[in-house]
Protein backbone atom coordinates (compact mmCIF):
# COMPACT_ATOMS: atom_id res chain seq x y z
CA MET A 1 -8.34 31.92 -16.89
CA PRO A 2 -9.25 29.63 -13.94
CA ILE A 3 -11.34 26.58 -14.81
CA ALA A 4 -14.39 26.51 -12.55
CA ALA A 5 -14.63 22.72 -12.30
CA VAL A 6 -11.00 22.42 -11.20
CA LYS A 7 -11.44 25.13 -8.55
CA LYS A 8 -14.54 23.38 -7.21
CA SER A 9 -12.79 20.01 -7.12
CA PHE A 10 -9.90 21.42 -5.11
CA ALA A 11 -12.33 23.15 -2.76
CA VAL A 12 -13.87 19.74 -2.06
CA LEU A 13 -10.47 18.08 -1.54
CA GLU A 14 -9.35 20.86 0.81
CA ALA A 15 -12.53 20.53 2.84
CA LEU A 16 -12.04 16.77 3.13
CA ALA A 17 -8.34 17.05 3.93
CA GLY A 18 -9.09 19.54 6.71
CA GLU A 19 -11.55 17.23 8.46
CA ARG A 20 -10.44 16.44 12.02
CA SER A 21 -13.18 14.08 13.23
CA PRO A 22 -12.06 10.64 14.55
CA SER A 23 -13.33 8.91 11.40
CA GLY A 24 -11.91 11.54 9.05
CA ALA A 25 -15.16 11.32 7.05
CA VAL A 26 -17.59 14.12 6.20
CA ALA A 27 -21.31 14.04 5.40
CA LEU A 28 -22.52 15.46 2.11
CA GLY A 29 -24.43 18.24 3.89
CA GLU A 30 -21.36 19.31 5.86
CA LEU A 31 -19.30 19.42 2.66
CA ALA A 32 -21.98 21.49 0.96
CA ARG A 33 -21.84 24.04 3.78
CA ALA A 34 -18.03 24.08 3.84
CA THR A 35 -17.62 24.48 0.07
CA ARG A 36 -20.83 26.45 -0.60
CA LEU A 37 -21.52 24.21 -3.55
CA PRO A 38 -24.98 22.94 -4.54
CA LYS A 39 -25.47 19.32 -3.53
CA PRO A 40 -25.99 18.06 -7.13
CA THR A 41 -22.71 19.71 -8.21
CA LEU A 42 -20.94 18.44 -5.11
CA HIS A 43 -22.23 14.92 -5.67
CA ARG A 44 -20.94 14.87 -9.26
CA ILE A 45 -17.49 16.02 -8.13
CA LEU A 46 -17.36 13.43 -5.35
CA ARG A 47 -18.45 10.67 -7.71
CA THR A 48 -15.66 11.58 -10.15
CA LEU A 49 -13.03 11.80 -7.40
CA ASN A 50 -14.22 8.44 -6.09
CA GLU A 51 -13.88 6.84 -9.52
CA LEU A 52 -10.33 8.23 -9.76
CA GLY A 53 -9.47 6.77 -6.36
CA TYR A 54 -8.86 10.04 -4.49
CA VAL A 55 -12.04 10.01 -2.41
CA GLY A 56 -13.64 7.07 -0.62
CA GLN A 57 -17.11 6.63 0.82
CA ASP A 58 -17.84 4.85 4.09
CA ALA A 59 -20.13 1.89 3.49
CA GLY A 60 -22.11 2.38 6.72
CA THR A 61 -22.61 6.16 6.89
CA GLY A 62 -22.16 7.20 3.28
CA HIS A 63 -19.75 9.90 4.43
CA TYR A 64 -16.76 10.91 2.30
CA ARG A 65 -13.02 11.00 3.04
CA THR A 66 -9.72 11.27 1.22
CA THR A 67 -7.75 8.11 0.44
CA ALA A 68 -4.08 7.18 0.61
CA ARG A 69 -3.79 7.81 -3.12
CA LEU A 70 -4.26 11.55 -2.57
CA GLU A 71 -1.51 11.56 0.06
CA GLN A 72 0.83 9.86 -2.40
CA LEU A 73 0.52 12.78 -4.84
CA ALA A 74 2.56 14.89 -2.44
CA ALA A 75 5.36 12.33 -2.24
CA PRO A 76 4.78 9.50 -4.72
CA ALA A 77 8.20 8.02 -4.10
CA GLY A 78 7.87 8.08 -0.30
CA GLY A 79 10.81 10.45 0.09
CA PRO A 80 14.15 10.15 1.86
CA ALA A 81 12.45 10.47 5.26
CA LEU A 82 10.90 7.01 4.93
CA VAL A 83 14.23 5.54 3.83
CA ARG A 84 15.89 7.00 6.95
CA LEU A 85 13.15 5.60 9.19
CA ALA A 86 13.21 2.18 7.56
CA ARG A 87 16.99 1.84 7.30
CA PRO A 88 17.58 0.39 10.82
CA ARG A 89 15.03 -2.36 10.20
CA MET A 90 16.47 -3.07 6.78
CA GLU A 91 19.94 -3.39 8.29
CA ARG A 92 18.69 -5.77 11.00
CA LEU A 93 17.11 -8.03 8.39
CA HIS A 94 20.16 -7.86 6.16
CA LYS A 95 22.56 -8.64 9.01
CA ARG A 96 20.44 -11.54 10.24
CA PHE A 97 19.79 -13.27 6.88
CA ASN A 98 22.24 -11.76 4.37
CA GLU A 99 19.51 -11.69 1.74
CA THR A 100 18.29 -8.78 -0.39
CA VAL A 101 16.04 -6.40 1.55
CA ASN A 102 13.74 -4.01 -0.35
CA LEU A 103 11.74 -0.95 0.68
CA ALA A 104 8.73 0.11 -1.38
CA VAL A 105 5.62 2.30 -1.22
CA LEU A 106 2.19 2.11 -2.76
CA ASP A 107 1.87 4.38 -5.81
CA GLY A 108 -1.67 4.10 -7.15
CA LEU A 109 -2.07 0.51 -8.30
CA LEU A 110 1.71 -0.03 -8.25
CA VAL A 111 4.44 -0.56 -5.73
CA ARG A 112 7.46 1.65 -6.28
CA TYR A 113 10.84 0.43 -5.01
CA LEU A 114 12.75 3.07 -3.04
CA HIS A 115 15.82 1.43 -1.59
CA ALA A 116 17.55 -1.94 -1.32
CA LEU A 117 20.31 -3.64 0.64
CA GLU A 118 21.75 -6.38 -1.54
CA THR A 119 22.91 -9.77 -0.36
CA THR A 120 26.63 -10.45 -0.61
CA ARG A 121 25.93 -13.96 -1.89
CA PRO A 122 26.50 -14.72 -5.59
CA LEU A 123 22.90 -15.84 -6.30
CA ARG A 124 20.71 -12.78 -5.84
CA HIS A 125 17.56 -11.00 -6.98
CA ILE A 126 17.93 -7.24 -7.52
CA VAL A 127 15.26 -4.64 -8.27
CA ALA A 128 16.41 -1.16 -9.30
CA PRO A 129 15.21 1.90 -7.32
CA ASN A 130 12.09 3.50 -8.86
CA ALA A 131 11.17 0.23 -10.59
CA VAL A 132 7.49 -0.62 -10.27
CA ASP A 133 5.26 -3.70 -10.16
CA ALA A 134 1.51 -4.16 -9.91
CA TYR A 135 0.91 -4.01 -6.18
CA HIS A 136 -1.20 -7.18 -5.98
CA THR A 137 1.47 -9.36 -7.61
CA THR A 138 4.11 -8.68 -4.94
CA ALA A 139 4.58 -9.45 -1.27
CA LEU A 140 5.40 -5.76 -0.72
CA GLY A 141 2.17 -4.54 -2.28
CA ARG A 142 0.01 -7.08 -0.52
CA ALA A 143 1.65 -6.25 2.82
CA ILE A 144 0.64 -2.60 2.37
CA ALA A 145 -2.86 -3.31 1.02
CA ALA A 146 -3.69 -5.77 3.80
CA PHE A 147 -3.14 -3.14 6.49
CA LEU A 148 -4.99 -0.25 4.85
CA PRO A 149 -8.19 0.89 6.57
CA PRO A 150 -11.11 -1.30 5.38
CA ASP A 151 -12.72 1.31 3.14
CA GLU A 152 -9.42 2.19 1.46
CA ARG A 153 -8.66 -1.48 0.95
CA LYS A 154 -12.09 -1.93 -0.61
CA ASP A 155 -11.47 1.03 -2.95
CA LEU A 156 -8.10 -0.40 -3.96
CA LEU A 157 -9.56 -3.83 -4.69
CA ALA A 158 -12.33 -2.28 -6.78
CA ARG A 159 -9.75 -0.55 -8.99
CA THR A 160 -7.39 -3.51 -9.30
CA LYS A 161 -6.97 -4.96 -12.80
CA PHE A 162 -6.16 -8.65 -13.01
CA ARG A 163 -4.10 -10.07 -15.85
CA HIS A 164 -5.80 -12.76 -17.88
CA GLY A 165 -4.18 -16.13 -17.30
CA ALA A 166 -2.36 -15.04 -14.14
CA SER A 167 -1.75 -17.63 -11.45
CA GLY A 168 -1.43 -17.56 -7.68
CA PRO A 169 -3.42 -15.92 -4.89
CA ALA A 170 -3.73 -12.60 -6.74
CA ARG A 171 -5.35 -13.77 -9.96
CA SER A 172 -8.88 -12.66 -9.03
CA SER A 173 -10.56 -10.23 -6.67
CA ALA A 174 -11.93 -13.01 -4.45
CA LEU A 175 -8.56 -14.75 -4.13
CA LEU A 176 -6.73 -11.47 -3.52
CA GLN A 177 -9.24 -10.53 -0.80
CA LYS A 178 -8.65 -13.91 0.85
CA GLU A 179 -4.87 -13.47 0.65
CA LEU A 180 -5.05 -9.96 2.15
CA GLU A 181 -7.12 -11.27 5.05
CA ALA A 182 -4.57 -14.04 5.64
CA THR A 183 -1.73 -11.51 5.46
CA ARG A 184 -3.36 -9.27 8.03
CA THR A 185 -3.98 -12.21 10.38
CA ARG A 186 -0.45 -13.64 10.28
CA GLY A 187 1.35 -10.27 10.04
CA TRP A 188 3.39 -10.91 6.89
CA SER A 189 2.89 -11.52 3.16
CA VAL A 190 4.53 -13.96 0.79
CA ASP A 191 5.18 -14.19 -2.94
CA GLU A 192 6.28 -17.70 -3.84
CA GLN A 193 7.74 -17.51 -7.35
CA GLY A 194 4.77 -15.40 -8.47
CA THR A 195 6.88 -12.55 -9.84
CA ASP A 196 10.15 -14.34 -10.60
CA ALA A 197 10.78 -18.06 -10.96
CA GLY A 198 13.05 -19.49 -8.30
CA VAL A 199 12.62 -16.49 -5.98
CA VAL A 200 10.52 -16.27 -2.83
CA CYS A 201 9.75 -12.97 -1.15
CA TYR A 202 8.36 -12.22 2.32
CA GLY A 203 7.03 -8.77 3.21
CA ALA A 204 5.80 -6.74 6.17
CA PRO A 205 4.20 -3.29 6.37
CA LEU A 206 5.86 -0.25 7.90
CA ILE A 207 3.22 1.22 10.21
CA ILE A 208 3.26 4.94 11.03
CA ASP A 209 0.37 6.49 12.98
CA GLY A 210 -1.67 3.34 12.58
CA ARG A 211 -1.43 3.01 8.82
CA PRO A 212 1.04 1.45 6.34
CA ALA A 213 3.49 4.02 4.99
CA GLY A 214 5.31 1.39 2.94
CA ALA A 215 6.66 -2.13 3.28
CA LEU A 216 9.87 -4.11 3.63
CA SER A 217 10.59 -7.41 1.94
CA VAL A 218 13.29 -10.04 2.01
CA SER A 219 13.92 -11.83 -1.29
CA LEU A 220 15.90 -15.04 -1.59
CA PRO A 221 16.30 -18.00 -3.92
CA THR A 222 14.05 -20.92 -3.06
CA ALA A 223 17.19 -23.07 -2.77
CA ARG A 224 18.17 -21.13 0.38
CA LEU A 225 14.71 -21.20 1.96
CA THR A 226 14.97 -23.88 4.64
CA PRO A 227 12.15 -24.44 7.17
CA GLN A 228 14.31 -22.78 9.84
CA VAL A 229 14.99 -19.71 7.69
CA ARG A 230 11.29 -19.41 6.90
CA HIS A 231 10.37 -19.62 10.58
CA ASP A 232 12.99 -17.10 11.69
CA LEU A 233 12.25 -14.67 8.87
CA THR A 234 8.47 -14.64 9.28
CA THR A 235 8.82 -14.32 13.05
CA MET A 236 11.06 -11.27 12.67
CA LEU A 237 8.78 -9.68 10.08
CA LYS A 238 5.73 -10.22 12.27
CA GLU A 239 7.47 -8.46 15.16
CA MET A 240 8.21 -5.51 12.87
CA THR A 241 4.60 -5.40 11.69
CA HIS A 242 3.37 -4.93 15.24
CA ALA A 243 6.00 -2.32 16.18
CA GLU A 244 5.28 1.11 14.70
CA LEU A 245 8.09 3.21 13.28
């Protein structure tokens, strides 16, 4: 027997997903007409979907829209298509620096690793495919979050859980917000021994249709991070950030 609340929730999501306005956001009244649901019922459903992270609300207009988290339900691991698109950039980075290059996507409050090209050097840092980390603790996750639309970034920050006693630029909401702003300005993110001691990681988003579909990172031991390598690596990542796939 169909559950009425589930049917109503999907009716709301379908109405939001079908919106074709430039902002992608829909007013409560428009949703009520599209779904034929009473406004009090509709408001309760939207509030629940917002709390779960699948629906966002524009701060200025109060209109509703779907978030990236809903899109990730269809392909939480990003899929082989993203690997194929990202592979040429991964190979360029690998050829230039011979360090480990990772590809990852945002999966809720996590980053999920999809693919890696390992360094041929003996000292290396390897993350297995499908491994996950809290997005805000990694250069990959911060590279994606920094380039999300403002309302989606705000939603993500509101749901982020910070570990007690954590250190670095992601140990509180205020510090993470500051780091995301810096990442967006310079075009690349950095994790300096925040996840693993002795390892530094630089990341850049993969932009498709104006939004981050995932991110690439280059991980290397701090012993191999010379000023010249840092300059060359961040310059190359910044160029990739500003060139859509």
